[in-house]
Structures are given as structure tokens and as C-alpha cells.
């Protein structure tokens, strides 16, 4: 199964806050979207 990497690795706390619903969006939301796309990708491969 696909594993989506939703781990922030930042230089400081502000960079993390900015990516957890702050100025630069939410990387958790992006991870969920990637999970949906990769689940769909898996299905498309299994049909081959």
C-alpha cells in the first residue's frame, strides 16, 4: 500500500506552524490528497 510522508522537518517552530494551517497551508491536507491519488493509482495498476 502507498505510504504518504507527512513529516515536517523544519529549522524552527514558525516554519512548522506556517505549514500546519498557517501561511503556507496545511501539509496534512496535502498528504490526504496524495493518499487519495495514490489509492486511485494502485487501483489503475491492479486493473492491468
ModelCIF file with pLDDT and N, C-alpha, C, O atoms, coordinates in Angstrom:
data_MODEL
#
_entry.id   MODEL 
#
_entity.id                         1 
_entity.type                       polymer 
_entity.pdbx_number_of_molecules   1 
#
_entity_poly.entity_id                      1 
_entity_poly.type                           'polypeptide(L)' 
_entity_poly.nstd_linkage                   no 
_entity_poly.nstd_monomer                   no 
_entity_poly.pdbx_seq_one_letter_code       
;(UNK)(UNK)(UNK)(UNK)(UNK)(UNK)(UNK)(UNK)(UNK)(UNK)(UNK)(UNK)(UNK)(UNK)(UNK)(UNK)
(UNK)(UNK)(UNK)(UNK)(UNK)(UNK)(UNK)(UNK)(UNK)(UNK)(UNK)(UNK)(UNK)(UNK)(UNK)(UNK)
(UNK)(UNK)(UNK)(UNK)(UNK)(UNK)(UNK)(UNK)(UNK)(UNK)(UNK)(UNK)(UNK)(UNK)(UNK)(UNK)
;
_entity_poly.pdbx_seq_one_letter_code_can   XXXXXXXXXXXXXXXXXXXXXXXXXXXXXXXXXXXXXXXXXXXXXXXX 
_entity_poly.pdbx_strand_id                 A 
#
loop_
_entity_poly_seq.entity_id 
_entity_poly_seq.num 
_entity_poly_seq.mon_id 
_entity_poly_seq.hetero 
1 1  UNK n 
1 2  UNK n 
1 3  UNK n 
1 4  UNK n 
1 5  UNK n 
1 6  UNK n 
1 7  UNK n 
1 8  UNK n 
1 9  UNK n 
1 10 UNK n 
1 11 UNK n 
1 12 UNK n 
1 13 UNK n 
1 14 UNK n 
1 15 UNK n 
1 16 UNK n 
1 17 UNK n 
1 18 UNK n 
1 19 UNK n 
1 20 UNK n 
1 21 UNK n 
1 22 UNK n 
1 23 UNK n 
1 24 UNK n 
1 25 UNK n 
1 26 UNK n 
1 27 UNK n 
1 28 UNK n 
1 29 UNK n 
1 30 UNK n 
1 31 UNK n 
1 32 UNK n 
1 33 UNK n 
1 34 UNK n 
1 35 UNK n 
1 36 UNK n 
1 37 UNK n 
1 38 UNK n 
1 39 UNK n 
1 40 UNK n 
1 41 UNK n 
1 42 UNK n 
1 43 UNK n 
1 44 UNK n 
1 45 UNK n 
1 46 UNK n 
1 47 UNK n 
1 48 UNK n 
#
_struct_asym.id          A 
_struct_asym.entity_id   1 
#
loop_
_ma_qa_metric.id 
_ma_qa_metric.mode 
_ma_qa_metric.name 
_ma_qa_metric.software_group_id 
_ma_qa_metric.type 
1 global pLDDT . pLDDT 
2 local  pLDDT . pLDDT 
#
_ma_qa_metric_global.metric_id      1 
_ma_qa_metric_global.metric_value   92.52 
_ma_qa_metric_global.model_id       1 
_ma_qa_metric_global.ordinal_id     1 
#
loop_
_ma_qa_metric_local.label_asym_id 
_ma_qa_metric_local.label_comp_id 
_ma_qa_metric_local.label_seq_id 
_ma_qa_metric_local.metric_id 
_ma_qa_metric_local.metric_value 
_ma_qa_metric_local.model_id 
_ma_qa_metric_local.ordinal_id 
A UNK 1  2 93.00 1 1  
A UNK 2  2 95.00 1 2  
A UNK 3  2 96.00 1 3  
A UNK 4  2 96.00 1 4  
A UNK 5  2 95.00 1 5  
A UNK 6  2 95.00 1 6  
A UNK 7  2 94.00 1 7  
A UNK 8  2 93.00 1 8  
A UNK 9  2 90.00 1 9  
A UNK 10 2 90.00 1 10 
A UNK 11 2 91.00 1 11 
A UNK 12 2 93.00 1 12 
A UNK 13 2 94.00 1 13 
A UNK 14 2 95.00 1 14 
A UNK 15 2 95.00 1 15 
A UNK 16 2 94.00 1 16 
A UNK 17 2 93.00 1 17 
A UNK 18 2 92.00 1 18 
A UNK 19 2 92.00 1 19 
A UNK 20 2 92.00 1 20 
A UNK 21 2 88.00 1 21 
A UNK 22 2 91.00 1 22 
A UNK 23 2 91.00 1 23 
A UNK 24 2 92.00 1 24 
A UNK 25 2 92.00 1 25 
A UNK 26 2 95.00 1 26 
A UNK 27 2 96.00 1 27 
A UNK 28 2 96.00 1 28 
A UNK 29 2 96.00 1 29 
A UNK 30 2 96.00 1 30 
A UNK 31 2 97.00 1 31 
A UNK 32 2 97.00 1 32 
A UNK 33 2 97.00 1 33 
A UNK 34 2 96.00 1 34 
A UNK 35 2 97.00 1 35 
A UNK 36 2 97.00 1 36 
A UNK 37 2 96.00 1 37 
A UNK 38 2 95.00 1 38 
A UNK 39 2 95.00 1 39 
A UNK 40 2 94.00 1 40 
A UNK 41 2 93.00 1 41 
A UNK 42 2 91.00 1 42 
A UNK 43 2 90.00 1 43 
A UNK 44 2 88.00 1 44 
A UNK 45 2 85.00 1 45 
A UNK 46 2 80.00 1 46 
A UNK 47 2 77.00 1 47 
A UNK 48 2 75.00 1 48 
#
loop_
_atom_site.group_PDB 
_atom_site.id 
_atom_site.type_symbol 
_atom_site.label_atom_id 
_atom_site.label_alt_id 
_atom_site.label_comp_id 
_atom_site.label_asym_id 
_atom_site.label_entity_id 
_atom_site.label_seq_id 
_atom_site.pdbx_PDB_ins_code 
_atom_site.Cartn_x 
_atom_site.Cartn_y 
_atom_site.Cartn_z 
_atom_site.occupancy 
_atom_site.B_iso_or_equiv 
_atom_site.pdbx_formal_charge 
_atom_site.auth_seq_id 
_atom_site.auth_comp_id 
_atom_site.auth_asym_id 
_atom_site.auth_atom_id 
_atom_site.pdbx_PDB_model_num 
ATOM 1   N N  . UNK A 1 1  ? 0.863  -1.180 0.000   1.00 93.00 ? 1  UNK A N  1 
ATOM 2   C CA . UNK A 1 1  ? 0.000  0.000  0.000   1.00 93.00 ? 1  UNK A CA 1 
ATOM 3   C C  . UNK A 1 1  ? 0.898  1.228  0.000   1.00 93.00 ? 1  UNK A C  1 
ATOM 4   O O  . UNK A 1 1  ? 1.988  1.193  0.571   1.00 93.00 ? 1  UNK A O  1 
ATOM 5   N N  . UNK A 1 2  ? 0.461  2.310  -0.628  1.00 95.00 ? 2  UNK A N  1 
ATOM 6   C CA . UNK A 1 2  ? 1.282  3.531  -0.625  1.00 95.00 ? 2  UNK A CA 1 
ATOM 7   C C  . UNK A 1 2  ? 1.358  4.143  0.767   1.00 95.00 ? 2  UNK A C  1 
ATOM 8   O O  . UNK A 1 2  ? 0.369  4.173  1.499   1.00 95.00 ? 2  UNK A O  1 
ATOM 9   N N  . UNK A 1 3  ? 2.538  4.629  1.124   1.00 96.00 ? 3  UNK A N  1 
ATOM 10  C CA . UNK A 1 3  ? 2.737  5.328  2.393   1.00 96.00 ? 3  UNK A CA 1 
ATOM 11  C C  . UNK A 1 3  ? 3.069  6.779  2.063   1.00 96.00 ? 3  UNK A C  1 
ATOM 12  O O  . UNK A 1 3  ? 4.046  7.057  1.368   1.00 96.00 ? 3  UNK A O  1 
ATOM 13  N N  . UNK A 1 4  ? 2.258  7.692  2.560   1.00 96.00 ? 4  UNK A N  1 
ATOM 14  C CA . UNK A 1 4  ? 2.419  9.108  2.270   1.00 96.00 ? 4  UNK A CA 1 
ATOM 15  C C  . UNK A 1 4  ? 3.200  9.758  3.403   1.00 96.00 ? 4  UNK A C  1 
ATOM 16  O O  . UNK A 1 4  ? 2.856  9.604  4.575   1.00 96.00 ? 4  UNK A O  1 
ATOM 17  N N  . UNK A 1 5  ? 4.241  10.478 3.048   1.00 95.00 ? 5  UNK A N  1 
ATOM 18  C CA . UNK A 1 5  ? 5.153  11.066 4.027   1.00 95.00 ? 5  UNK A CA 1 
ATOM 19  C C  . UNK A 1 5  ? 4.659  12.455 4.418   1.00 95.00 ? 5  UNK A C  1 
ATOM 20  O O  . UNK A 1 5  ? 4.834  13.423 3.678   1.00 95.00 ? 5  UNK A O  1 
ATOM 21  N N  . UNK A 1 6  ? 4.038  12.533 5.591   1.00 95.00 ? 6  UNK A N  1 
ATOM 22  C CA . UNK A 1 6  ? 3.521  13.801 6.092   1.00 95.00 ? 6  UNK A CA 1 
ATOM 23  C C  . UNK A 1 6  ? 4.305  14.301 7.287   1.00 95.00 ? 6  UNK A C  1 
ATOM 24  O O  . UNK A 1 6  ? 3.729  14.804 8.252   1.00 95.00 ? 6  UNK A O  1 
ATOM 25  N N  . UNK A 1 7  ? 5.626  14.164 7.222   1.00 94.00 ? 7  UNK A N  1 
ATOM 26  C CA . UNK A 1 7  ? 6.501  14.573 8.324   1.00 94.00 ? 7  UNK A CA 1 
ATOM 27  C C  . UNK A 1 7  ? 7.152  15.905 7.988   1.00 94.00 ? 7  UNK A C  1 
ATOM 28  O O  . UNK A 1 7  ? 7.844  16.020 6.977   1.00 94.00 ? 7  UNK A O  1 
ATOM 29  N N  . UNK A 1 8  ? 6.935  16.910 8.828   1.00 93.00 ? 8  UNK A N  1 
ATOM 30  C CA . UNK A 1 8  ? 7.607  18.201 8.667   1.00 93.00 ? 8  UNK A CA 1 
ATOM 31  C C  . UNK A 1 8  ? 8.995  18.132 9.266   1.00 93.00 ? 8  UNK A C  1 
ATOM 32  O O  . UNK A 1 8  ? 9.162  17.639 10.382  1.00 93.00 ? 8  UNK A O  1 
ATOM 33  N N  . UNK A 1 9  ? 9.987  18.615 8.551   1.00 90.00 ? 9  UNK A N  1 
ATOM 34  C CA . UNK A 1 9  ? 11.355 18.718 9.067   1.00 90.00 ? 9  UNK A CA 1 
ATOM 35  C C  . UNK A 1 9  ? 11.777 20.167 8.860   1.00 90.00 ? 9  UNK A C  1 
ATOM 36  O O  . UNK A 1 9  ? 12.128 20.566 7.749   1.00 90.00 ? 9  UNK A O  1 
ATOM 37  N N  . UNK A 1 10 ? 11.742 20.949 9.929   1.00 90.00 ? 10 UNK A N  1 
ATOM 38  C CA . UNK A 1 10 ? 11.919 22.398 9.795   1.00 90.00 ? 10 UNK A CA 1 
ATOM 39  C C  . UNK A 1 10 ? 13.068 22.918 10.658  1.00 90.00 ? 10 UNK A C  1 
ATOM 40  O O  . UNK A 1 10 ? 13.528 22.258 11.590  1.00 90.00 ? 10 UNK A O  1 
ATOM 41  N N  . UNK A 1 11 ? 13.504 24.102 10.317  1.00 91.00 ? 11 UNK A N  1 
ATOM 42  C CA . UNK A 1 11 ? 14.593 24.733 11.051  1.00 91.00 ? 11 UNK A CA 1 
ATOM 43  C C  . UNK A 1 11 ? 14.114 25.348 12.361  1.00 91.00 ? 11 UNK A C  1 
ATOM 44  O O  . UNK A 1 11 ? 14.892 25.471 13.307  1.00 91.00 ? 11 UNK A O  1 
ATOM 45  N N  . UNK A 1 12 ? 12.856 25.730 12.426  1.00 93.00 ? 12 UNK A N  1 
ATOM 46  C CA . UNK A 1 12 ? 12.323 26.347 13.639  1.00 93.00 ? 12 UNK A CA 1 
ATOM 47  C C  . UNK A 1 12 ? 10.814 26.110 13.726  1.00 93.00 ? 12 UNK A C  1 
ATOM 48  O O  . UNK A 1 12 ? 10.194 25.605 12.791  1.00 93.00 ? 12 UNK A O  1 
ATOM 49  N N  . UNK A 1 13 ? 10.242 26.486 14.863  1.00 94.00 ? 13 UNK A N  1 
ATOM 50  C CA . UNK A 1 13 ? 8.822  26.233 15.096  1.00 94.00 ? 13 UNK A CA 1 
ATOM 51  C C  . UNK A 1 13 ? 7.934  27.028 14.152  1.00 94.00 ? 13 UNK A C  1 
ATOM 52  O O  . UNK A 1 13 ? 6.894  26.529 13.721  1.00 94.00 ? 13 UNK A O  1 
ATOM 53  N N  . UNK A 1 14 ? 8.322  28.249 13.824  1.00 95.00 ? 14 UNK A N  1 
ATOM 54  C CA . UNK A 1 14 ? 7.494  29.078 12.952  1.00 95.00 ? 14 UNK A CA 1 
ATOM 55  C C  . UNK A 1 14 ? 7.322  28.443 11.571  1.00 95.00 ? 14 UNK A C  1 
ATOM 56  O O  . UNK A 1 14 ? 6.238  28.494 10.990  1.00 95.00 ? 14 UNK A O  1 
ATOM 57  N N  . UNK A 1 15 ? 8.377  27.854 11.058  1.00 95.00 ? 15 UNK A N  1 
ATOM 58  C CA . UNK A 1 15 ? 8.267  27.171 9.769   1.00 95.00 ? 15 UNK A CA 1 
ATOM 59  C C  . UNK A 1 15 ? 7.255  26.037 9.835   1.00 95.00 ? 15 UNK A C  1 
ATOM 60  O O  . UNK A 1 15 ? 6.517  25.797 8.879   1.00 95.00 ? 15 UNK A O  1 
ATOM 61  N N  . UNK A 1 16 ? 7.223  25.344 10.964  1.00 94.00 ? 16 UNK A N  1 
ATOM 62  C CA . UNK A 1 16 ? 6.262  24.258 11.135  1.00 94.00 ? 16 UNK A CA 1 
ATOM 63  C C  . UNK A 1 16 ? 4.842  24.800 11.226  1.00 94.00 ? 16 UNK A C  1 
ATOM 64  O O  . UNK A 1 16 ? 3.931  24.260 10.599  1.00 94.00 ? 16 UNK A O  1 
ATOM 65  N N  . UNK A 1 17 ? 4.650  25.855 11.995  1.00 93.00 ? 17 UNK A N  1 
ATOM 66  C CA . UNK A 1 17 ? 3.321  26.460 12.125  1.00 93.00 ? 17 UNK A CA 1 
ATOM 67  C C  . UNK A 1 17 ? 2.797  26.943 10.779  1.00 93.00 ? 17 UNK A C  1 
ATOM 68  O O  . UNK A 1 17 ? 1.613  26.802 10.470  1.00 93.00 ? 17 UNK A O  1 
ATOM 69  N N  . UNK A 1 18 ? 3.692  27.509 9.989   1.00 92.00 ? 18 UNK A N  1 
ATOM 70  C CA . UNK A 1 18 ? 3.289  28.012 8.674   1.00 92.00 ? 18 UNK A CA 1 
ATOM 71  C C  . UNK A 1 18 ? 2.771  26.902 7.773   1.00 92.00 ? 18 UNK A C  1 
ATOM 72  O O  . UNK A 1 18 ? 1.981  27.157 6.863   1.00 92.00 ? 18 UNK A O  1 
ATOM 73  N N  . UNK A 1 19 ? 3.213  25.665 8.021   1.00 92.00 ? 19 UNK A N  1 
ATOM 74  C CA . UNK A 1 19 ? 2.853  24.534 7.172   1.00 92.00 ? 19 UNK A CA 1 
ATOM 75  C C  . UNK A 1 19 ? 1.814  23.631 7.814   1.00 92.00 ? 19 UNK A C  1 
ATOM 76  O O  . UNK A 1 19 ? 1.498  22.569 7.279   1.00 92.00 ? 19 UNK A O  1 
ATOM 77  N N  . UNK A 1 20 ? 1.285  24.042 8.947   1.00 92.00 ? 20 UNK A N  1 
ATOM 78  C CA . UNK A 1 20 ? 0.276  23.245 9.667   1.00 92.00 ? 20 UNK A CA 1 
ATOM 79  C C  . UNK A 1 20 ? -1.014 24.035 9.824   1.00 92.00 ? 20 UNK A C  1 
ATOM 80  O O  . UNK A 1 20 ? -1.630 24.042 10.890  1.00 92.00 ? 20 UNK A O  1 
ATOM 81  N N  . UNK A 1 21 ? -1.410 24.702 8.742   1.00 88.00 ? 21 UNK A N  1 
ATOM 82  C CA . UNK A 1 21 ? -2.618 25.512 8.771   1.00 88.00 ? 21 UNK A CA 1 
ATOM 83  C C  . UNK A 1 21 ? -2.339 26.989 8.792   1.00 88.00 ? 21 UNK A C  1 
ATOM 84  O O  . UNK A 1 21 ? -3.257 27.799 8.922   1.00 88.00 ? 21 UNK A O  1 
ATOM 85  N N  . UNK A 1 22 ? -1.065 27.354 8.666   1.00 91.00 ? 22 UNK A N  1 
ATOM 86  C CA . UNK A 1 22 ? -0.681 28.761 8.690   1.00 91.00 ? 22 UNK A CA 1 
ATOM 87  C C  . UNK A 1 22 ? -0.539 29.347 7.305   1.00 91.00 ? 22 UNK A C  1 
ATOM 88  O O  . UNK A 1 22 ? -1.297 29.008 6.396   1.00 91.00 ? 22 UNK A O  1 
ATOM 89  N N  . UNK A 1 23 ? 0.434  30.228 7.145   1.00 91.00 ? 23 UNK A N  1 
ATOM 90  C CA . UNK A 1 23 ? 0.578  30.996 5.909   1.00 91.00 ? 23 UNK A CA 1 
ATOM 91  C C  . UNK A 1 23 ? 0.841  30.142 4.680   1.00 91.00 ? 23 UNK A C  1 
ATOM 92  O O  . UNK A 1 23 ? 0.505  30.544 3.566   1.00 91.00 ? 23 UNK A O  1 
ATOM 93  N N  . UNK A 1 24 ? 1.438  28.968 4.865   1.00 92.00 ? 24 UNK A N  1 
ATOM 94  C CA . UNK A 1 24 ? 1.802  28.125 3.727   1.00 92.00 ? 24 UNK A CA 1 
ATOM 95  C C  . UNK A 1 24 ? 0.904  26.904 3.584   1.00 92.00 ? 24 UNK A C  1 
ATOM 96  O O  . UNK A 1 24 ? 1.279  25.919 2.948   1.00 92.00 ? 24 UNK A O  1 
ATOM 97  N N  . UNK A 1 25 ? -0.281 26.974 4.179   1.00 92.00 ? 25 UNK A N  1 
ATOM 98  C CA . UNK A 1 25 ? -1.238 25.879 4.016   1.00 92.00 ? 25 UNK A CA 1 
ATOM 99  C C  . UNK A 1 25 ? -1.100 24.803 5.069   1.00 92.00 ? 25 UNK A C  1 
ATOM 100 O O  . UNK A 1 25 ? -0.555 25.030 6.149   1.00 92.00 ? 25 UNK A O  1 
ATOM 101 N N  . UNK A 1 26 ? -1.601 23.637 4.738   1.00 95.00 ? 26 UNK A N  1 
ATOM 102 C CA . UNK A 1 26 ? -1.576 22.519 5.686   1.00 95.00 ? 26 UNK A CA 1 
ATOM 103 C C  . UNK A 1 26 ? -1.054 21.282 4.966   1.00 95.00 ? 26 UNK A C  1 
ATOM 104 O O  . UNK A 1 26 ? -1.711 20.743 4.075   1.00 95.00 ? 26 UNK A O  1 
ATOM 105 N N  . UNK A 1 27 ? 0.129  20.841 5.362   1.00 96.00 ? 27 UNK A N  1 
ATOM 106 C CA . UNK A 1 27 ? 0.754  19.690 4.720   1.00 96.00 ? 27 UNK A CA 1 
ATOM 107 C C  . UNK A 1 27 ? 0.014  18.392 5.043   1.00 96.00 ? 27 UNK A C  1 
ATOM 108 O O  . UNK A 1 27 ? 0.141  17.408 4.314   1.00 96.00 ? 27 UNK A O  1 
ATOM 109 N N  . UNK A 1 28 ? -0.750 18.385 6.121   1.00 96.00 ? 28 UNK A N  1 
ATOM 110 C CA . UNK A 1 28 ? -1.569 17.215 6.409   1.00 96.00 ? 28 UNK A CA 1 
ATOM 111 C C  . UNK A 1 28 ? -2.673 17.058 5.371   1.00 96.00 ? 28 UNK A C  1 
ATOM 112 O O  . UNK A 1 28 ? -2.977 15.948 4.935   1.00 96.00 ? 28 UNK A O  1 
ATOM 113 N N  . UNK A 1 29 ? -3.270 18.185 4.982   1.00 96.00 ? 29 UNK A N  1 
ATOM 114 C CA . UNK A 1 29 ? -4.289 18.167 3.934   1.00 96.00 ? 29 UNK A CA 1 
ATOM 115 C C  . UNK A 1 29 ? -3.684 17.687 2.620   1.00 96.00 ? 29 UNK A C  1 
ATOM 116 O O  . UNK A 1 29 ? -4.294 16.896 1.901   1.00 96.00 ? 29 UNK A O  1 
ATOM 117 N N  . UNK A 1 30 ? -2.478 18.168 2.310   1.00 96.00 ? 30 UNK A N  1 
ATOM 118 C CA . UNK A 1 30 ? -1.813 17.744 1.083   1.00 96.00 ? 30 UNK A CA 1 
ATOM 119 C C  . UNK A 1 30 ? -1.508 16.243 1.115   1.00 96.00 ? 30 UNK A C  1 
ATOM 120 O O  . UNK A 1 30 ? -1.584 15.569 0.087   1.00 96.00 ? 30 UNK A O  1 
ATOM 121 N N  . UNK A 1 31 ? -1.164 15.728 2.290   1.00 97.00 ? 31 UNK A N  1 
ATOM 122 C CA . UNK A 1 31 ? -0.887 14.299 2.420   1.00 97.00 ? 31 UNK A CA 1 
ATOM 123 C C  . UNK A 1 31 ? -2.148 13.479 2.159   1.00 97.00 ? 31 UNK A C  1 
ATOM 124 O O  . UNK A 1 31 ? -2.082 12.429 1.519   1.00 97.00 ? 31 UNK A O  1 
ATOM 125 N N  . UNK A 1 32 ? -3.288 13.945 2.646   1.00 97.00 ? 32 UNK A N  1 
ATOM 126 C CA . UNK A 1 32 ? -4.545 13.241 2.415   1.00 97.00 ? 32 UNK A CA 1 
ATOM 127 C C  . UNK A 1 32 ? -4.894 13.223 0.932   1.00 97.00 ? 32 UNK A C  1 
ATOM 128 O O  . UNK A 1 32 ? -5.346 12.204 0.410   1.00 97.00 ? 32 UNK A O  1 
ATOM 129 N N  . UNK A 1 33 ? -4.687 14.338 0.261   1.00 97.00 ? 33 UNK A N  1 
ATOM 130 C CA . UNK A 1 33 ? -4.952 14.383 -1.175  1.00 97.00 ? 33 UNK A CA 1 
ATOM 131 C C  . UNK A 1 33 ? -4.027 13.424 -1.923  1.00 97.00 ? 33 UNK A C  1 
ATOM 132 O O  . UNK A 1 33 ? -4.447 12.753 -2.865  1.00 97.00 ? 33 UNK A O  1 
ATOM 133 N N  . UNK A 1 34 ? -2.774 13.368 -1.498  1.00 96.00 ? 34 UNK A N  1 
ATOM 134 C CA . UNK A 1 34 ? -1.831 12.439 -2.122  1.00 96.00 ? 34 UNK A CA 1 
ATOM 135 C C  . UNK A 1 34 ? -2.250 10.992 -1.867  1.00 96.00 ? 34 UNK A C  1 
ATOM 136 O O  . UNK A 1 34 ? -2.105 10.139 -2.742  1.00 96.00 ? 34 UNK A O  1 
ATOM 137 N N  . UNK A 1 35 ? -2.772 10.715 -0.665  1.00 97.00 ? 35 UNK A N  1 
ATOM 138 C CA . UNK A 1 35 ? -3.220 9.362  -0.343  1.00 97.00 ? 35 UNK A CA 1 
ATOM 139 C C  . UNK A 1 35 ? -4.360 8.932  -1.253  1.00 97.00 ? 35 UNK A C  1 
ATOM 140 O O  . UNK A 1 35 ? -4.392 7.792  -1.717  1.00 97.00 ? 35 UNK A O  1 
ATOM 141 N N  . UNK A 1 36 ? -5.289 9.834  -1.508  1.00 97.00 ? 36 UNK A N  1 
ATOM 142 C CA . UNK A 1 36 ? -6.413 9.525  -2.392  1.00 97.00 ? 36 UNK A CA 1 
ATOM 143 C C  . UNK A 1 36 ? -5.923 9.261  -3.810  1.00 97.00 ? 36 UNK A C  1 
ATOM 144 O O  . UNK A 1 36 ? -6.369 8.321  -4.467  1.00 97.00 ? 36 UNK A O  1 
ATOM 145 N N  . UNK A 1 37 ? -5.005 10.095 -4.270  1.00 96.00 ? 37 UNK A N  1 
ATOM 146 C CA . UNK A 1 37 ? -4.483 9.929  -5.628  1.00 96.00 ? 37 UNK A CA 1 
ATOM 147 C C  . UNK A 1 37 ? -3.693 8.633  -5.768  1.00 96.00 ? 37 UNK A C  1 
ATOM 148 O O  . UNK A 1 37 ? -3.783 7.953  -6.790  1.00 96.00 ? 37 UNK A O  1 
ATOM 149 N N  . UNK A 1 38 ? -2.921 8.292  -4.740  1.00 95.00 ? 38 UNK A N  1 
ATOM 150 C CA . UNK A 1 38 ? -2.131 7.067  -4.818  1.00 95.00 ? 38 UNK A CA 1 
ATOM 151 C C  . UNK A 1 38 ? -3.000 5.820  -4.675  1.00 95.00 ? 38 UNK A C  1 
ATOM 152 O O  . UNK A 1 38 ? -2.693 4.783  -5.263  1.00 95.00 ? 38 UNK A O  1 
ATOM 153 N N  . UNK A 1 39 ? -4.078 5.910  -3.903  1.00 95.00 ? 39 UNK A N  1 
ATOM 154 C CA . UNK A 1 39 ? -5.021 4.785  -3.829  1.00 95.00 ? 39 UNK A CA 1 
ATOM 155 C C  . UNK A 1 39 ? -5.648 4.545  -5.191  1.00 95.00 ? 39 UNK A C  1 
ATOM 156 O O  . UNK A 1 39 ? -5.823 3.400  -5.608  1.00 95.00 ? 39 UNK A O  1 
ATOM 157 N N  . UNK A 1 40 ? -5.986 5.626  -5.885  1.00 94.00 ? 40 UNK A N  1 
ATOM 158 C CA . UNK A 1 40 ? -6.533 5.523  -7.227  1.00 94.00 ? 40 UNK A CA 1 
ATOM 159 C C  . UNK A 1 40 ? -5.489 4.961  -8.189  1.00 94.00 ? 40 UNK A C  1 
ATOM 160 O O  . UNK A 1 40 ? -5.811 4.148  -9.055  1.00 94.00 ? 40 UNK A O  1 
ATOM 161 N N  . UNK A 1 41 ? -4.244 5.394  -8.035  1.00 93.00 ? 41 UNK A N  1 
ATOM 162 C CA . UNK A 1 41 ? -3.159 4.871  -8.869  1.00 93.00 ? 41 UNK A CA 1 
ATOM 163 C C  . UNK A 1 41 ? -3.021 3.362  -8.691  1.00 93.00 ? 41 UNK A C  1 
ATOM 164 O O  . UNK A 1 41 ? -2.864 2.624  -9.664  1.00 93.00 ? 41 UNK A O  1 
ATOM 165 N N  . UNK A 1 42 ? -3.082 2.910  -7.434  1.00 91.00 ? 42 UNK A N  1 
ATOM 166 C CA . UNK A 1 42 ? -2.969 1.476  -7.153  1.00 91.00 ? 42 UNK A CA 1 
ATOM 167 C C  . UNK A 1 42 ? -4.060 0.692  -7.859  1.00 91.00 ? 42 UNK A C  1 
ATOM 168 O O  . UNK A 1 42 ? -3.800 -0.367 -8.429  1.00 91.00 ? 42 UNK A O  1 
ATOM 169 N N  . UNK A 1 43 ? -5.278 1.209  -7.823  1.00 90.00 ? 43 UNK A N  1 
ATOM 170 C CA . UNK A 1 43 ? -6.387 0.543  -8.496  1.00 90.00 ? 43 UNK A CA 1 
ATOM 171 C C  . UNK A 1 43 ? -6.153 0.469  -10.000 1.00 90.00 ? 43 UNK A C  1 
ATOM 172 O O  . UNK A 1 43 ? -6.431 -0.550 -10.633 1.00 90.00 ? 43 UNK A O  1 
ATOM 173 N N  . UNK A 1 44 ? -5.645 1.550  -10.558 1.00 88.00 ? 44 UNK A N  1 
ATOM 174 C CA . UNK A 1 44 ? -5.420 1.570  -12.003 1.00 88.00 ? 44 UNK A CA 1 
ATOM 175 C C  . UNK A 1 44 ? -4.365 0.554  -12.415 1.00 88.00 ? 44 UNK A C  1 
ATOM 176 O O  . UNK A 1 44 ? -4.449 -0.031 -13.495 1.00 88.00 ? 44 UNK A O  1 
ATOM 177 N N  . UNK A 1 45 ? -3.359 0.341  -11.547 1.00 85.00 ? 45 UNK A N  1 
ATOM 178 C CA . UNK A 1 45 ? -2.324 -0.647 -11.831 1.00 85.00 ? 45 UNK A CA 1 
ATOM 179 C C  . UNK A 1 45 ? -2.875 -2.053 -11.681 1.00 85.00 ? 45 UNK A C  1 
ATOM 180 O O  . UNK A 1 45 ? -2.557 -2.933 -12.481 1.00 85.00 ? 45 UNK A O  1 
ATOM 181 N N  . UNK A 1 46 ? -3.700 -2.273 -10.661 1.00 80.00 ? 46 UNK A N  1 
ATOM 182 C CA . UNK A 1 46 ? -4.243 -3.606 -10.414 1.00 80.00 ? 46 UNK A CA 1 
ATOM 183 C C  . UNK A 1 46 ? -5.198 -4.047 -11.512 1.00 80.00 ? 46 UNK A C  1 
ATOM 184 O O  . UNK A 1 46 ? -5.460 -5.240 -11.664 1.00 80.00 ? 46 UNK A O  1 
ATOM 185 N N  . UNK A 1 47 ? -5.714 -3.106 -12.270 1.00 77.00 ? 47 UNK A N  1 
ATOM 186 C CA . UNK A 1 47 ? -6.593 -3.446 -13.385 1.00 77.00 ? 47 UNK A CA 1 
ATOM 187 C C  . UNK A 1 47 ? -5.811 -3.908 -14.610 1.00 77.00 ? 47 UNK A C  1 
ATOM 188 O O  . UNK A 1 47 ? -6.393 -4.408 -15.572 1.00 77.00 ? 47 UNK A O  1 
ATOM 189 N N  . UNK A 1 48 ? -4.488 -3.738 -14.573 1.00 75.00 ? 48 UNK A N  1 
ATOM 190 C CA . UNK A 1 48 ? -3.651 -4.128 -15.700 1.00 75.00 ? 48 UNK A CA 1 
ATOM 191 C C  . UNK A 1 48 ? -3.140 -5.558 -15.511 1.00 75.00 ? 48 UNK A C  1 
ATOM 192 O O  . UNK A 1 48 ? -2.413 -6.071 -16.362 1.00 75.00 ? 48 UNK A O  1 
#
